[in-house]
N, C-alpha and C. Protein backbone atom coordinates (compact mmCIF):
# COMPACT_ATOMS: atom_id res chain seq x y z
N UNK A 1 -71.00 9.17 40.51
CA UNK A 1 -70.65 10.56 40.47
C UNK A 1 -69.44 10.77 39.57
N UNK A 2 -69.47 11.79 38.76
CA UNK A 2 -68.34 12.04 37.86
C UNK A 2 -67.22 12.75 38.62
N UNK A 3 -66.05 12.73 38.01
CA UNK A 3 -64.88 13.34 38.66
C UNK A 3 -65.03 14.85 38.75
N UNK A 4 -65.74 15.44 37.80
CA UNK A 4 -65.93 16.88 37.80
C UNK A 4 -66.80 17.31 39.00
N UNK A 5 -67.80 16.51 39.27
CA UNK A 5 -68.68 16.82 40.39
C UNK A 5 -67.95 16.65 41.72
N UNK A 6 -67.08 15.62 41.78
CA UNK A 6 -66.30 15.39 43.00
C UNK A 6 -65.39 16.57 43.29
N UNK A 7 -64.67 17.03 42.23
CA UNK A 7 -63.76 18.16 42.44
C UNK A 7 -64.55 19.41 42.80
N UNK A 8 -65.73 19.58 42.20
CA UNK A 8 -66.58 20.72 42.54
C UNK A 8 -67.01 20.67 43.99
N UNK A 9 -67.35 19.48 44.46
CA UNK A 9 -67.74 19.33 45.86
C UNK A 9 -66.57 19.61 46.80
N UNK A 10 -65.40 19.19 46.40
CA UNK A 10 -64.21 19.41 47.23
C UNK A 10 -63.96 20.91 47.36
N UNK A 11 -64.10 21.65 46.27
CA UNK A 11 -63.87 23.10 46.34
C UNK A 11 -64.94 23.78 47.18
N UNK A 12 -66.16 23.32 47.06
CA UNK A 12 -67.25 23.89 47.86
C UNK A 12 -66.99 23.64 49.34
N UNK A 13 -66.56 22.40 49.67
CA UNK A 13 -66.27 22.08 51.06
C UNK A 13 -65.08 22.91 51.56
N UNK A 14 -64.09 23.12 50.70
CA UNK A 14 -62.93 23.91 51.07
C UNK A 14 -63.34 25.35 51.37
N UNK A 15 -64.19 25.92 50.52
CA UNK A 15 -64.66 27.29 50.74
C UNK A 15 -65.47 27.39 52.04
N UNK A 16 -66.24 26.38 52.32
CA UNK A 16 -67.04 26.42 53.54
C UNK A 16 -66.15 26.37 54.77
N UNK A 17 -65.09 25.53 54.72
CA UNK A 17 -64.17 25.47 55.86
C UNK A 17 -63.42 26.79 56.00
N UNK A 18 -63.09 27.44 54.88
CA UNK A 18 -62.43 28.74 54.96
C UNK A 18 -63.36 29.77 55.59
N UNK A 19 -64.63 29.74 55.22
CA UNK A 19 -65.59 30.69 55.77
C UNK A 19 -65.76 30.49 57.28
N UNK A 20 -65.63 29.23 57.72
CA UNK A 20 -65.76 28.95 59.15
C UNK A 20 -64.58 29.51 59.94
N UNK A 21 -63.40 29.49 59.37
CA UNK A 21 -62.21 29.89 60.11
C UNK A 21 -61.88 31.38 59.96
N UNK A 22 -62.21 32.00 58.82
CA UNK A 22 -61.80 33.37 58.57
C UNK A 22 -63.01 34.29 58.41
N UNK A 23 -62.76 35.56 58.72
CA UNK A 23 -63.81 36.56 58.54
C UNK A 23 -63.84 37.02 57.08
N UNK A 24 -64.72 37.95 56.72
CA UNK A 24 -64.91 38.37 55.34
C UNK A 24 -63.69 39.00 54.70
N UNK A 25 -63.02 39.92 55.41
CA UNK A 25 -61.85 40.59 54.81
C UNK A 25 -60.68 39.64 54.67
N UNK A 26 -60.52 38.77 55.67
CA UNK A 26 -59.42 37.79 55.59
C UNK A 26 -59.67 36.81 54.44
N UNK A 27 -60.92 36.46 54.22
CA UNK A 27 -61.27 35.54 53.15
C UNK A 27 -60.98 36.16 51.78
N UNK A 28 -61.31 37.41 51.60
CA UNK A 28 -61.02 38.11 50.34
C UNK A 28 -59.50 38.19 50.13
N UNK A 29 -58.79 38.48 51.22
CA UNK A 29 -57.33 38.54 51.14
C UNK A 29 -56.75 37.19 50.71
N UNK A 30 -57.25 36.09 51.28
CA UNK A 30 -56.77 34.75 50.93
C UNK A 30 -57.09 34.40 49.47
N UNK A 31 -58.30 34.78 49.02
CA UNK A 31 -58.67 34.50 47.63
C UNK A 31 -57.78 35.26 46.66
N UNK A 32 -57.48 36.52 46.98
CA UNK A 32 -56.57 37.30 46.12
C UNK A 32 -55.17 36.71 46.12
N UNK A 33 -54.75 36.25 47.29
CA UNK A 33 -53.42 35.65 47.37
C UNK A 33 -53.37 34.36 46.54
N UNK A 34 -54.44 33.58 46.59
CA UNK A 34 -54.50 32.35 45.79
C UNK A 34 -54.46 32.66 44.30
N UNK A 35 -55.17 33.72 43.90
CA UNK A 35 -55.15 34.12 42.50
C UNK A 35 -53.74 34.51 42.07
N UNK A 36 -53.07 35.29 42.91
CA UNK A 36 -51.69 35.70 42.60
C UNK A 36 -50.76 34.50 42.52
N UNK A 37 -50.93 33.57 43.46
CA UNK A 37 -50.09 32.37 43.47
C UNK A 37 -50.31 31.54 42.21
N UNK A 38 -51.55 31.35 41.81
CA UNK A 38 -51.84 30.60 40.59
C UNK A 38 -51.30 31.31 39.36
N UNK A 39 -51.42 32.64 39.35
CA UNK A 39 -50.88 33.42 38.23
C UNK A 39 -49.36 33.26 38.13
N UNK A 40 -48.67 33.34 39.27
CA UNK A 40 -47.20 33.16 39.29
C UNK A 40 -46.82 31.76 38.83
N UNK A 41 -47.57 30.75 39.28
CA UNK A 41 -47.28 29.37 38.87
C UNK A 41 -47.48 29.22 37.37
N UNK A 42 -48.54 29.83 36.84
CA UNK A 42 -48.79 29.78 35.39
C UNK A 42 -47.65 30.45 34.62
N UNK A 43 -47.20 31.60 35.09
CA UNK A 43 -46.10 32.31 34.43
C UNK A 43 -44.83 31.47 34.46
N UNK A 44 -44.53 30.83 35.60
CA UNK A 44 -43.33 29.99 35.70
C UNK A 44 -43.40 28.80 34.75
N UNK A 45 -44.55 28.16 34.68
CA UNK A 45 -44.71 27.02 33.77
C UNK A 45 -44.56 27.47 32.32
N UNK A 46 -45.18 28.59 31.98
CA UNK A 46 -45.09 29.11 30.62
C UNK A 46 -43.65 29.49 30.27
N UNK A 47 -42.93 30.14 31.19
CA UNK A 47 -41.55 30.53 30.93
C UNK A 47 -40.65 29.31 30.79
N UNK A 48 -40.91 28.29 31.62
CA UNK A 48 -40.10 27.07 31.55
C UNK A 48 -40.27 26.35 30.23
N UNK A 49 -41.50 26.25 29.76
CA UNK A 49 -41.72 25.55 28.49
C UNK A 49 -41.16 26.34 27.32
N UNK A 50 -41.25 27.67 27.38
CA UNK A 50 -40.71 28.46 26.27
C UNK A 50 -39.19 28.43 26.28
N UNK A 51 -38.56 28.39 27.46
CA UNK A 51 -37.10 28.31 27.54
C UNK A 51 -36.61 26.94 27.07
N UNK A 52 -37.42 25.90 27.29
CA UNK A 52 -37.03 24.55 26.87
C UNK A 52 -37.00 24.42 25.36
N UNK A 53 -37.70 25.30 24.65
CA UNK A 53 -37.74 25.23 23.19
C UNK A 53 -36.51 25.86 22.55
N UNK A 54 -35.70 26.59 23.31
CA UNK A 54 -34.54 27.27 22.74
C UNK A 54 -33.44 26.27 22.39
N UNK A 55 -32.64 26.63 21.40
CA UNK A 55 -31.50 25.79 21.04
C UNK A 55 -30.34 26.11 21.97
N UNK A 56 -29.25 25.36 21.88
CA UNK A 56 -28.09 25.58 22.74
C UNK A 56 -27.49 26.96 22.52
N UNK A 57 -27.38 27.35 21.25
CA UNK A 57 -26.82 28.67 20.94
C UNK A 57 -27.65 29.77 21.56
N UNK A 58 -28.97 29.64 21.44
CA UNK A 58 -29.85 30.66 21.98
C UNK A 58 -29.77 30.71 23.50
N UNK A 59 -29.63 29.54 24.16
CA UNK A 59 -29.52 29.52 25.61
C UNK A 59 -28.22 30.18 26.07
N UNK A 60 -27.10 29.88 25.36
CA UNK A 60 -25.82 30.51 25.70
C UNK A 60 -25.90 32.02 25.52
N UNK A 61 -26.53 32.43 24.44
CA UNK A 61 -26.66 33.86 24.18
C UNK A 61 -27.53 34.52 25.24
N UNK A 62 -28.56 33.82 25.70
CA UNK A 62 -29.43 34.38 26.73
C UNK A 62 -28.67 34.52 28.05
N UNK A 63 -27.80 33.55 28.37
CA UNK A 63 -27.02 33.63 29.60
C UNK A 63 -26.01 34.77 29.54
N UNK A 64 -25.32 34.90 28.39
CA UNK A 64 -24.29 35.93 28.25
C UNK A 64 -24.89 37.30 28.00
N UNK A 65 -26.08 37.33 27.49
CA UNK A 65 -26.71 38.61 27.20
C UNK A 65 -26.30 39.16 25.85
N UNK A 66 -25.83 38.30 24.93
CA UNK A 66 -25.45 38.74 23.60
C UNK A 66 -26.51 38.31 22.60
N UNK A 67 -26.43 38.88 21.42
CA UNK A 67 -27.37 38.50 20.37
C UNK A 67 -26.99 37.13 19.83
N UNK A 68 -27.96 36.39 19.34
CA UNK A 68 -27.73 35.03 18.85
C UNK A 68 -26.89 35.05 17.58
N UNK A 69 -27.20 35.95 16.66
CA UNK A 69 -26.53 35.96 15.36
C UNK A 69 -25.22 36.73 15.37
N UNK A 70 -24.83 37.26 16.51
CA UNK A 70 -23.61 38.03 16.58
C UNK A 70 -22.41 37.10 16.45
N UNK A 71 -21.49 37.34 15.49
CA UNK A 71 -20.35 36.44 15.33
C UNK A 71 -19.34 36.60 16.46
N UNK A 72 -18.73 35.48 16.84
CA UNK A 72 -17.68 35.48 17.84
C UNK A 72 -16.47 34.78 17.26
N UNK A 73 -15.39 34.75 18.03
CA UNK A 73 -14.19 34.07 17.53
C UNK A 73 -14.40 32.57 17.47
N UNK A 74 -15.28 32.03 18.33
CA UNK A 74 -15.54 30.59 18.30
C UNK A 74 -16.47 30.21 17.16
N UNK A 75 -17.47 31.05 16.89
CA UNK A 75 -18.35 30.81 15.75
C UNK A 75 -18.37 32.09 14.92
N UNK A 76 -17.47 32.22 13.95
CA UNK A 76 -17.32 33.47 13.22
C UNK A 76 -18.49 33.84 12.35
N UNK A 77 -19.42 32.99 12.17
CA UNK A 77 -20.59 33.33 11.37
C UNK A 77 -20.91 32.23 10.39
N UNK A 78 -22.13 32.22 9.97
CA UNK A 78 -22.57 31.20 9.04
C UNK A 78 -23.13 31.86 7.80
N UNK A 79 -23.22 31.09 6.74
CA UNK A 79 -23.79 31.62 5.51
C UNK A 79 -25.28 31.87 5.70
N UNK A 80 -25.80 32.81 4.96
CA UNK A 80 -27.21 33.13 5.09
C UNK A 80 -28.06 31.95 4.62
N UNK A 81 -29.29 31.90 5.07
CA UNK A 81 -30.18 30.78 4.74
C UNK A 81 -30.63 30.80 3.29
N UNK A 82 -30.44 31.95 2.58
CA UNK A 82 -30.89 32.04 1.19
C UNK A 82 -30.02 31.19 0.27
N UNK A 83 -28.73 31.08 0.59
CA UNK A 83 -27.78 30.41 -0.28
C UNK A 83 -27.92 28.90 -0.16
N UNK A 84 -28.06 28.24 -1.28
CA UNK A 84 -28.14 26.77 -1.28
C UNK A 84 -26.87 26.24 -1.93
N UNK A 85 -26.34 25.15 -1.37
CA UNK A 85 -25.14 24.56 -1.94
C UNK A 85 -25.51 23.84 -3.24
N UNK A 86 -24.67 24.01 -4.21
CA UNK A 86 -24.91 23.40 -5.51
C UNK A 86 -24.31 22.01 -5.50
N UNK A 87 -25.10 21.01 -5.78
CA UNK A 87 -24.59 19.65 -5.80
C UNK A 87 -24.41 19.22 -7.26
N UNK A 88 -23.28 18.64 -7.51
CA UNK A 88 -23.01 18.17 -8.88
C UNK A 88 -23.69 16.83 -9.11
N UNK A 89 -24.10 16.64 -10.33
CA UNK A 89 -24.67 15.35 -10.68
C UNK A 89 -23.54 14.43 -11.11
N UNK A 90 -23.57 13.24 -10.61
CA UNK A 90 -22.52 12.27 -10.95
C UNK A 90 -22.83 11.63 -12.29
N UNK A 91 -21.78 11.49 -13.05
CA UNK A 91 -21.94 10.81 -14.33
C UNK A 91 -21.84 9.31 -14.10
N UNK A 92 -22.63 8.57 -14.80
CA UNK A 92 -22.58 7.12 -14.66
C UNK A 92 -21.32 6.61 -15.34
N UNK A 93 -20.58 5.79 -14.61
CA UNK A 93 -19.35 5.25 -15.19
C UNK A 93 -19.69 4.01 -16.01
N UNK A 94 -19.01 3.88 -17.10
CA UNK A 94 -19.25 2.74 -17.98
C UNK A 94 -18.16 1.69 -17.81
N UNK A 95 -17.62 1.58 -16.60
CA UNK A 95 -16.58 0.60 -16.33
C UNK A 95 -15.23 1.27 -16.21
N UNK A 96 -14.19 0.46 -15.95
CA UNK A 96 -12.85 1.03 -15.78
C UNK A 96 -12.31 1.59 -17.09
N UNK A 97 -11.65 2.72 -16.98
CA UNK A 97 -11.06 3.33 -18.17
C UNK A 97 -9.60 2.91 -18.27
N UNK A 98 -9.00 3.26 -19.37
CA UNK A 98 -7.61 2.90 -19.58
C UNK A 98 -6.72 3.59 -18.55
N UNK A 99 -7.03 4.86 -18.25
CA UNK A 99 -6.22 5.61 -17.28
C UNK A 99 -6.29 4.98 -15.90
N UNK A 100 -7.47 4.57 -15.47
CA UNK A 100 -7.60 4.00 -14.14
C UNK A 100 -6.87 2.66 -14.06
N UNK A 101 -6.90 1.88 -15.15
CA UNK A 101 -6.16 0.61 -15.15
C UNK A 101 -4.66 0.88 -15.08
N UNK A 102 -4.17 1.89 -15.80
CA UNK A 102 -2.76 2.24 -15.80
C UNK A 102 -2.32 2.70 -14.40
N UNK A 103 -3.16 3.55 -13.76
CA UNK A 103 -2.84 4.03 -12.41
C UNK A 103 -2.78 2.86 -11.43
N UNK A 104 -3.71 1.91 -11.57
CA UNK A 104 -3.72 0.76 -10.69
C UNK A 104 -2.45 -0.07 -10.87
N UNK A 105 -2.05 -0.30 -12.12
CA UNK A 105 -0.82 -1.06 -12.38
C UNK A 105 0.39 -0.35 -11.81
N UNK A 106 0.44 0.98 -11.96
CA UNK A 106 1.58 1.74 -11.42
C UNK A 106 1.64 1.62 -9.90
N UNK A 107 0.48 1.69 -9.25
CA UNK A 107 0.46 1.55 -7.78
C UNK A 107 0.91 0.16 -7.36
N UNK A 108 0.46 -0.86 -8.09
CA UNK A 108 0.85 -2.23 -7.75
C UNK A 108 2.34 -2.46 -7.98
N UNK A 109 2.88 -1.91 -9.05
CA UNK A 109 4.32 -2.03 -9.32
C UNK A 109 5.13 -1.34 -8.23
N UNK A 110 4.71 -0.16 -7.81
CA UNK A 110 5.42 0.57 -6.76
C UNK A 110 5.38 -0.22 -5.45
N UNK A 111 4.24 -0.82 -5.15
CA UNK A 111 4.11 -1.61 -3.92
C UNK A 111 4.99 -2.85 -3.97
N UNK A 112 5.03 -3.52 -5.12
CA UNK A 112 5.88 -4.70 -5.27
C UNK A 112 7.34 -4.33 -5.11
N UNK A 113 7.72 -3.16 -5.64
CA UNK A 113 9.11 -2.69 -5.53
C UNK A 113 9.49 -2.46 -4.06
N UNK A 114 8.60 -1.81 -3.30
CA UNK A 114 8.91 -1.58 -1.88
C UNK A 114 8.96 -2.89 -1.11
N UNK A 115 8.10 -3.85 -1.47
CA UNK A 115 8.15 -5.17 -0.81
C UNK A 115 9.47 -5.87 -1.08
N UNK A 116 9.95 -5.81 -2.34
CA UNK A 116 11.25 -6.43 -2.68
C UNK A 116 12.37 -5.77 -1.91
N UNK A 117 12.32 -4.45 -1.81
CA UNK A 117 13.37 -3.71 -1.10
C UNK A 117 13.38 -4.08 0.39
N UNK A 118 12.20 -4.17 0.99
CA UNK A 118 12.11 -4.56 2.41
C UNK A 118 12.60 -5.98 2.63
N UNK A 119 12.28 -6.87 1.70
CA UNK A 119 12.72 -8.26 1.81
C UNK A 119 14.24 -8.36 1.72
N UNK A 120 14.83 -7.58 0.80
CA UNK A 120 16.29 -7.58 0.64
C UNK A 120 16.96 -7.04 1.90
N UNK A 121 16.37 -5.99 2.48
CA UNK A 121 16.94 -5.41 3.69
C UNK A 121 16.85 -6.40 4.85
N UNK A 122 15.74 -7.13 4.95
CA UNK A 122 15.56 -8.09 6.05
C UNK A 122 16.47 -9.31 5.91
N UNK A 123 16.96 -9.56 4.71
CA UNK A 123 17.86 -10.70 4.53
C UNK A 123 19.28 -10.37 4.96
N UNK A 124 19.57 -9.09 5.25
CA UNK A 124 20.92 -8.73 5.72
C UNK A 124 21.17 -9.37 7.08
N UNK A 125 22.45 -9.61 7.45
CA UNK A 125 22.75 -10.34 8.69
C UNK A 125 22.26 -9.62 9.95
N UNK A 126 22.12 -8.32 9.87
CA UNK A 126 21.64 -7.57 11.04
C UNK A 126 20.27 -8.09 11.50
N UNK A 127 19.42 -8.50 10.55
CA UNK A 127 18.08 -8.96 10.89
C UNK A 127 17.94 -10.48 10.85
N UNK A 128 18.76 -11.16 10.04
CA UNK A 128 18.59 -12.61 9.89
C UNK A 128 19.50 -13.44 10.80
N UNK A 129 20.66 -12.94 11.14
CA UNK A 129 21.62 -13.70 11.96
C UNK A 129 21.30 -13.51 13.45
N UNK A 130 21.02 -14.59 14.20
CA UNK A 130 20.70 -14.43 15.62
C UNK A 130 21.86 -13.94 16.48
N UNK A 131 23.09 -14.01 15.98
CA UNK A 131 24.23 -13.55 16.77
C UNK A 131 24.26 -12.03 16.92
N UNK A 132 23.49 -11.32 16.12
CA UNK A 132 23.50 -9.84 16.16
C UNK A 132 22.63 -9.29 17.30
N UNK A 133 21.65 -10.05 17.78
CA UNK A 133 20.78 -9.64 18.88
C UNK A 133 20.10 -8.30 18.61
N UNK A 134 19.82 -7.96 17.37
CA UNK A 134 19.19 -6.69 17.04
C UNK A 134 20.15 -5.52 16.90
N UNK A 135 21.48 -5.78 17.00
CA UNK A 135 22.47 -4.72 16.84
C UNK A 135 22.85 -4.57 15.38
N UNK A 136 23.46 -3.43 15.03
CA UNK A 136 23.93 -3.25 13.65
C UNK A 136 25.17 -4.11 13.39
N UNK A 137 26.05 -4.17 14.39
CA UNK A 137 27.23 -5.04 14.30
C UNK A 137 27.14 -6.07 15.42
N UNK A 138 27.71 -7.26 15.23
CA UNK A 138 27.60 -8.26 16.30
C UNK A 138 28.36 -7.79 17.54
N UNK A 139 27.79 -8.00 18.74
CA UNK A 139 28.46 -7.54 19.95
C UNK A 139 29.74 -8.34 20.22
N UNK A 140 30.68 -7.69 20.93
CA UNK A 140 31.96 -8.36 21.26
C UNK A 140 31.70 -9.50 22.23
N UNK A 141 32.53 -10.54 22.09
CA UNK A 141 32.42 -11.67 23.01
C UNK A 141 33.45 -11.44 24.11
N UNK A 142 32.94 -11.19 25.31
CA UNK A 142 33.83 -10.92 26.45
C UNK A 142 33.78 -12.11 27.41
N UNK A 143 34.78 -12.17 28.24
CA UNK A 143 34.80 -13.22 29.27
C UNK A 143 33.73 -12.90 30.29
N UNK A 144 33.23 -13.91 31.01
CA UNK A 144 32.15 -13.67 31.97
C UNK A 144 32.46 -12.59 33.01
N UNK A 145 33.76 -12.40 33.35
CA UNK A 145 34.11 -11.39 34.35
C UNK A 145 33.99 -9.98 33.77
N UNK A 146 34.24 -9.82 32.48
CA UNK A 146 34.27 -8.50 31.86
C UNK A 146 32.98 -8.13 31.10
N UNK A 147 31.97 -8.99 31.19
CA UNK A 147 30.73 -8.72 30.46
C UNK A 147 30.08 -7.42 30.93
N UNK A 148 29.48 -6.70 29.99
CA UNK A 148 28.79 -5.45 30.28
C UNK A 148 27.31 -5.60 29.95
N UNK A 149 26.49 -4.84 30.69
CA UNK A 149 25.05 -4.85 30.41
C UNK A 149 24.77 -3.96 29.22
N UNK A 150 24.07 -4.49 28.21
CA UNK A 150 23.73 -3.75 27.00
C UNK A 150 22.38 -3.07 27.17
N UNK A 151 22.35 -1.74 26.99
CA UNK A 151 21.10 -0.99 27.12
C UNK A 151 20.16 -1.27 25.96
N UNK A 152 20.73 -1.63 24.83
CA UNK A 152 19.92 -1.81 23.63
C UNK A 152 19.08 -3.08 23.68
N UNK A 153 19.67 -4.17 24.10
CA UNK A 153 18.92 -5.43 24.08
C UNK A 153 18.66 -5.99 25.49
N UNK A 154 19.25 -5.42 26.53
CA UNK A 154 18.98 -5.86 27.89
C UNK A 154 19.69 -7.16 28.25
N UNK A 155 20.79 -7.48 27.57
CA UNK A 155 21.55 -8.72 27.83
C UNK A 155 22.98 -8.32 28.18
N UNK A 156 23.60 -9.14 29.01
CA UNK A 156 25.04 -8.94 29.30
C UNK A 156 25.84 -9.66 28.23
N UNK A 157 26.74 -8.91 27.57
CA UNK A 157 27.65 -9.54 26.61
C UNK A 157 28.84 -8.64 26.38
């Protein structure tokens, strides 16, 4: 037996059981109610699928009750769809030019200069002599009774 025949038999049996339990007017009332219920279910399914196709902007606009294309402070508006952005064609480079080599040399010279300056600064006693403890001037040497806690380096001296 095919599945179509089985479902047909099930509906026939269902109708027969309904006829056994209900009178003629009640049966018509139930059939109309079933039609209405199926119609409402169809409408809900159709509305759900059509709402699922909307974009985020359209869903927000539907919730707020505003038009989709209406500009707001958050989205002030977009360019019309007719306008296309013009893209420039890139020219093929034939290798490094004299200007680009000169700019590269200038950048490298500037970087070397800053490295020399940093190296010279780091060779000063403030950074190279361990007696400075990270201070600009070496801390005073006090007797153990008069030592003070240094906030800068966290050592008593």
